[in-house]
C-alpha cells in the first residue's frame, strides 16, 4: 500500500490541524480516515485540513473528506456559534478544487 505523510498538530485543545503530503486515493484514503478519526477523538471545536501538498485526489479521498464533514456536522459543540464543529480545508490545489467542482461539493466545504 502506498503511503502519504500526515501530520496532526494541536495548537491548543480547541484546534486540530492536519497537514497532508502526497496523493489521496483509494490506497491512501484509509490513512486519512484514521487521522480524521484521531482528530475527532480530541473533541476540538475546529479541524483544519491542509491540502496544499496534495497534487491529486480521487473519489475515495473526496468520500473521506465528506465523511469528516458529516462527523463535524453531527457532533454538536455548544461553544461554537454555528452549533457544530468547524471543518475547513485550506491550501486546496487547482486540481483538487476542480474535483470538488465536478463532484458539486465546492459549496459544501469551507475552503480557505
Protein backbone atom coordinates (compact mmCIF):
# COMPACT_ATOMS: atom_id res chain seq x y z
CA UNK A 1 0.00 0.00 0.00
CA UNK A 2 1.23 3.48 -0.84
CA UNK A 3 1.50 5.92 1.99
CA UNK A 4 1.03 9.62 2.42
CA UNK A 5 2.62 11.81 5.03
CA UNK A 6 0.03 13.07 7.51
CA UNK A 7 0.92 15.30 10.43
CA UNK A 8 -1.57 16.18 13.14
CA UNK A 9 -0.82 19.39 15.02
CA UNK A 10 -2.82 20.57 18.01
CA UNK A 11 -2.02 24.23 18.78
CA UNK A 12 -4.48 24.10 21.69
CA UNK A 13 -7.32 21.90 22.94
CA UNK A 14 -9.85 23.62 20.66
CA UNK A 15 -7.98 23.26 17.34
CA UNK A 16 -6.57 20.41 15.28
CA UNK A 17 -4.60 21.00 12.07
CA UNK A 18 -3.95 18.08 9.73
CA UNK A 19 -1.29 18.52 7.03
CA UNK A 20 -1.15 16.03 4.18
CA UNK A 21 1.67 15.45 1.70
CA UNK A 22 1.01 13.16 -1.24
CA UNK A 23 -1.86 11.82 -3.31
CA UNK A 24 -5.11 10.90 -1.63
CA UNK A 25 -6.54 7.93 -3.46
CA UNK A 26 -8.17 4.58 -2.88
CA UNK A 27 -4.90 3.27 -1.41
CA UNK A 28 -4.16 6.18 0.94
CA UNK A 29 -7.68 7.31 1.92
CA UNK A 30 -7.77 4.85 4.86
CA UNK A 31 -4.80 6.69 6.39
CA UNK A 32 -6.69 9.97 6.09
CA UNK A 33 -9.78 8.33 7.60
CA UNK A 34 -7.74 7.15 10.59
CA UNK A 35 -6.22 10.62 11.04
CA UNK A 36 -9.66 12.26 10.95
CA UNK A 37 -10.91 9.75 13.50
CA UNK A 38 -7.95 10.60 15.76
CA UNK A 39 -8.64 14.33 15.34
CA UNK A 40 -12.31 13.99 16.27
CA UNK A 41 -11.46 11.96 19.37
CA UNK A 42 -9.60 15.05 20.64
CA UNK A 43 -13.02 16.78 20.66
CA UNK A 44 -11.83 20.08 19.12
CA UNK A 45 -14.03 22.99 18.06
CA UNK A 46 -12.10 23.41 14.80
CA UNK A 47 -10.47 20.97 12.41
CA UNK A 48 -8.43 22.34 9.51
CA UNK A 49 -7.14 20.09 6.73
CA UNK A 50 -4.15 21.49 4.80
CA UNK A 51 -4.24 20.16 1.24
CA UNK A 52 -1.55 22.45 -0.20
CA UNK A 53 0.81 19.49 -0.80
CA UNK A 54 -1.86 17.21 -2.30
CA UNK A 55 -1.39 17.22 -6.09
CA UNK A 56 -4.12 14.64 -6.78
CA UNK A 57 -7.20 13.25 -5.09
CA UNK A 58 -9.66 10.66 -6.34
CA UNK A 59 -13.22 9.93 -5.27
CA UNK A 60 -12.03 7.86 -2.29
CA UNK A 61 -10.34 11.00 -0.94
CA UNK A 62 -13.44 13.08 -1.56
CA UNK A 63 -15.59 10.46 0.19
CA UNK A 64 -13.28 10.50 3.22
CA UNK A 65 -13.44 14.30 3.47
CA UNK A 66 -17.23 14.19 3.11
CA UNK A 67 -17.30 11.71 5.99
CA UNK A 68 -15.22 14.13 8.10
CA UNK A 69 -17.61 16.94 7.20
CA UNK A 70 -20.56 14.79 8.26
CA UNK A 71 -18.86 13.93 11.55
CA UNK A 72 -18.35 17.63 12.23
CA UNK A 73 -21.99 18.42 11.48
CA UNK A 74 -23.27 15.54 13.60
CA UNK A 75 -21.12 16.34 16.63
CA UNK A 76 -22.71 19.40 18.30
CA UNK A 77 -20.47 21.77 20.15
CA UNK A 78 -22.06 24.32 22.44
CA UNK A 79 -19.02 26.63 22.26
CA UNK A 80 -19.42 27.08 18.51
CA UNK A 81 -21.70 29.84 17.21
CA UNK A 82 -22.85 27.54 14.40
CA UNK A 83 -23.79 24.71 16.77
CA UNK A 84 -21.27 22.25 15.36
CA UNK A 85 -17.57 21.84 14.86
CA UNK A 86 -15.81 23.86 12.19
CA UNK A 87 -14.35 21.65 9.47
CA UNK A 88 -12.38 23.54 6.86
CA UNK A 89 -9.98 22.87 4.04
CA UNK A 90 -7.05 25.12 3.26
CA UNK A 91 -4.47 25.28 0.51
CA UNK A 92 -6.65 23.40 -1.94
CA UNK A 93 -4.70 22.95 -5.19
CA UNK A 94 -6.29 23.71 -8.55
CA UNK A 95 -6.57 20.02 -9.48
CA UNK A 96 -8.28 19.15 -6.21
CA UNK A 97 -10.52 22.24 -6.42
CA UNK A 98 -11.60 21.10 -9.89
CA UNK A 99 -12.52 17.68 -8.48
CA UNK A 100 -14.68 19.33 -5.81
CA UNK A 101 -16.36 21.31 -8.58
CA UNK A 102 -17.01 18.24 -10.71
CA UNK A 103 -18.49 16.47 -7.69
CA UNK A 104 -20.60 19.58 -7.00
CA UNK A 105 -19.19 19.77 -3.47
CA UNK A 106 -17.42 23.15 -3.59
CA UNK A 107 -20.26 24.83 -1.71
CA UNK A 108 -20.44 22.13 0.97
CA UNK A 109 -16.95 22.71 2.36
CA UNK A 110 -15.45 25.78 3.93
CA UNK A 111 -12.37 26.35 1.79
CA UNK A 112 -9.89 28.96 2.97
